[in-house]
Amino acid sequence: MSAKKPLSYQPEYCERLLAFFNVAPFSVTEVQKRDGSISLVETAAELPTFAAFAKMLGTTCAVLSSWEKKHPAFRLAVQKARDLQGNILIQNSLRGNYSSSFAVFTAKNLLGWKDGKEDIPHTDIVVRWEENK
């Protein structure tokens, strides 16, 4: 069994990537209750990922990464896609559509976000107490 040749980069993949990530963060649907009243139900969109995009193309994230390094237009499209992904994450997190622990974990791992306290340098503090005689 021979190895399949990696998918070759095509400039139109930039547009396809942006279309894949450019989705509404959530949808609102009217649901009629038994008493006849209408209720609005908000549903979060599936968070688009590079793994899902790669699967759609029939390739891997490693191939997408190599395209990002070699093709400036694809690199820019990836940056825009990350911005779109971040917006979906933020909008759904603020609206309570994602659990806070998921949102924090995802923002740190997918978007590179950090807690502010991670940037505080740790130093030893020495306190001397002298009594006045």
Protein backbone atom coordinates (compact mmCIF):
# COMPACT_ATOMS: atom_id res chain seq x y z
CA MET A 1 0.00 0.00 0.00
CA SER A 2 1.59 3.28 -1.07
CA ALA A 3 1.42 6.51 0.89
CA LYS A 4 -0.98 9.11 -0.43
CA LYS A 5 0.65 12.25 -1.82
CA PRO A 6 -0.05 15.35 0.36
CA LEU A 7 -2.66 17.74 -0.96
CA SER A 8 -1.11 20.54 -3.03
CA TYR A 9 -1.76 24.14 -2.05
CA GLN A 10 -4.25 26.07 -4.18
CA PRO A 11 -4.80 29.84 -3.80
CA GLU A 12 -8.59 29.33 -3.53
CA TYR A 13 -8.02 27.56 -0.20
CA CYS A 14 -7.66 31.03 1.34
CA GLU A 15 -11.27 31.89 0.46
CA ARG A 16 -12.49 28.45 1.49
CA LEU A 17 -10.77 28.78 4.86
CA LEU A 18 -12.35 32.17 5.54
CA ALA A 19 -15.79 30.95 4.44
CA PHE A 20 -15.44 27.93 6.75
CA PHE A 21 -14.63 30.12 9.77
CA ASN A 22 -17.03 32.98 8.93
CA VAL A 23 -20.14 31.64 10.66
CA ALA A 24 -22.63 33.32 12.96
CA PRO A 25 -21.59 32.66 16.57
CA PHE A 26 -25.09 31.49 17.49
CA SER A 27 -28.61 31.18 16.16
CA VAL A 28 -31.95 32.01 17.77
CA THR A 29 -34.95 29.81 17.09
CA GLU A 30 -38.57 30.38 18.04
CA VAL A 31 -40.14 27.42 19.83
CA GLN A 32 -43.84 27.19 20.52
CA LYS A 33 -44.69 25.89 23.99
CA ARG A 34 -47.71 23.73 24.82
CA ASP A 35 -49.59 26.76 26.12
CA GLY A 36 -49.14 28.47 22.74
CA SER A 37 -46.58 31.00 23.90
CA ILE A 38 -43.34 31.45 21.99
CA SER A 39 -39.94 30.97 23.56
CA LEU A 40 -36.60 31.92 22.02
CA VAL A 41 -33.87 29.29 22.15
CA GLU A 42 -30.27 30.29 21.50
CA THR A 43 -27.90 27.65 20.14
CA ALA A 44 -24.15 28.11 19.85
CA ALA A 45 -22.58 27.41 16.48
CA GLU A 46 -20.10 24.58 16.28
CA LEU A 47 -16.73 26.22 16.90
CA PRO A 48 -14.82 25.97 13.61
CA THR A 49 -11.38 24.43 13.97
CA PHE A 50 -8.39 23.96 11.71
CA ALA A 51 -8.65 20.20 12.27
CA ALA A 52 -12.22 20.23 10.90
CA PHE A 53 -11.16 22.36 7.92
CA ALA A 54 -8.24 20.03 7.19
CA LYS A 55 -10.57 17.02 7.37
CA MET A 56 -12.98 18.70 4.94
CA LEU A 57 -10.12 19.13 2.47
CA GLY A 58 -8.92 15.57 3.06
CA THR A 59 -5.61 16.62 4.58
CA THR A 60 -4.04 17.29 7.99
CA CYS A 61 -3.26 20.23 10.23
CA ALA A 62 0.43 19.61 9.54
CA VAL A 63 -0.16 20.27 5.84
CA LEU A 64 -2.09 23.47 6.66
CA SER A 65 0.80 24.55 8.86
CA SER A 66 3.29 24.00 6.05
CA TRP A 67 1.11 26.08 3.70
CA GLU A 68 0.98 28.83 6.32
CA LYS A 69 4.79 28.93 6.42
CA LYS A 70 5.24 28.90 2.63
CA HIS A 71 2.37 31.04 1.33
CA PRO A 72 1.88 34.62 2.64
CA ALA A 73 -1.73 34.78 1.40
CA PHE A 74 -2.61 31.60 3.29
CA ARG A 75 -0.78 32.89 6.38
CA LEU A 76 -2.97 36.03 6.30
CA ALA A 77 -6.11 33.91 5.81
CA VAL A 78 -5.12 31.80 8.84
CA GLN A 79 -4.68 34.96 10.95
CA LYS A 80 -8.13 36.17 9.89
CA ALA A 81 -9.62 32.74 10.58
CA ARG A 82 -8.13 32.78 14.10
CA ASP A 83 -9.75 36.19 14.66
CA LEU A 84 -13.11 34.82 13.51
CA GLN A 85 -12.66 31.76 15.73
CA GLY A 86 -11.83 33.99 18.68
CA ASN A 87 -14.95 36.11 18.10
CA ILE A 88 -17.18 33.01 18.10
CA LEU A 89 -15.55 31.84 21.32
CA ILE A 90 -15.93 35.24 23.00
CA GLN A 91 -19.54 35.81 21.92
CA ASN A 92 -20.70 32.37 23.06
CA SER A 93 -18.75 32.57 26.31
CA LEU A 94 -20.22 35.96 27.20
CA ARG A 95 -23.72 34.69 26.48
CA GLY A 96 -23.24 31.56 28.60
CA ASN A 97 -23.43 29.22 25.61
CA TYR A 98 -20.05 27.68 26.48
CA SER A 99 -18.96 26.63 29.94
CA SER A 100 -16.42 29.00 31.47
CA SER A 101 -13.85 26.23 31.98
CA PHE A 102 -14.12 25.24 28.30
CA ALA A 103 -13.84 28.87 27.20
CA VAL A 104 -10.74 29.53 29.32
CA PHE A 105 -9.04 26.30 28.24
CA THR A 106 -9.86 26.91 24.57
CA ALA A 107 -8.77 30.56 24.59
CA LYS A 108 -5.43 29.59 26.12
CA ASN A 109 -4.79 26.67 23.79
CA LEU A 110 -6.27 27.80 20.49
CA LEU A 111 -5.87 31.55 20.71
CA GLY A 112 -2.74 31.80 22.87
CA TRP A 113 -4.44 33.82 25.59
CA LYS A 114 -2.83 34.03 29.02
CA ASP A 115 -3.95 34.92 32.51
CA GLY A 116 -2.57 38.30 33.53
CA LYS A 117 -0.99 36.75 36.59
CA GLU A 118 1.19 34.54 34.37
CA ASP A 119 3.18 37.61 33.33
CA ILE A 120 4.00 38.78 36.86
CA PRO A 121 7.65 38.08 37.65
CA HIS A 122 8.20 36.09 40.81
CA THR A 123 10.80 37.53 43.15
CA ASP A 124 11.70 36.79 46.71
CA ILE A 125 10.87 39.56 49.14
CA VAL A 126 12.92 39.90 52.28
CA VAL A 127 11.38 41.78 55.18
CA ARG A 128 13.58 42.86 58.08
CA TRP A 129 12.08 43.90 61.31
CA GLU A 130 14.26 45.93 63.61
CA GLU A 131 13.16 47.00 67.04
CA ASN A 132 14.05 50.49 68.15
CA LYS A 133 15.86 50.44 71.47
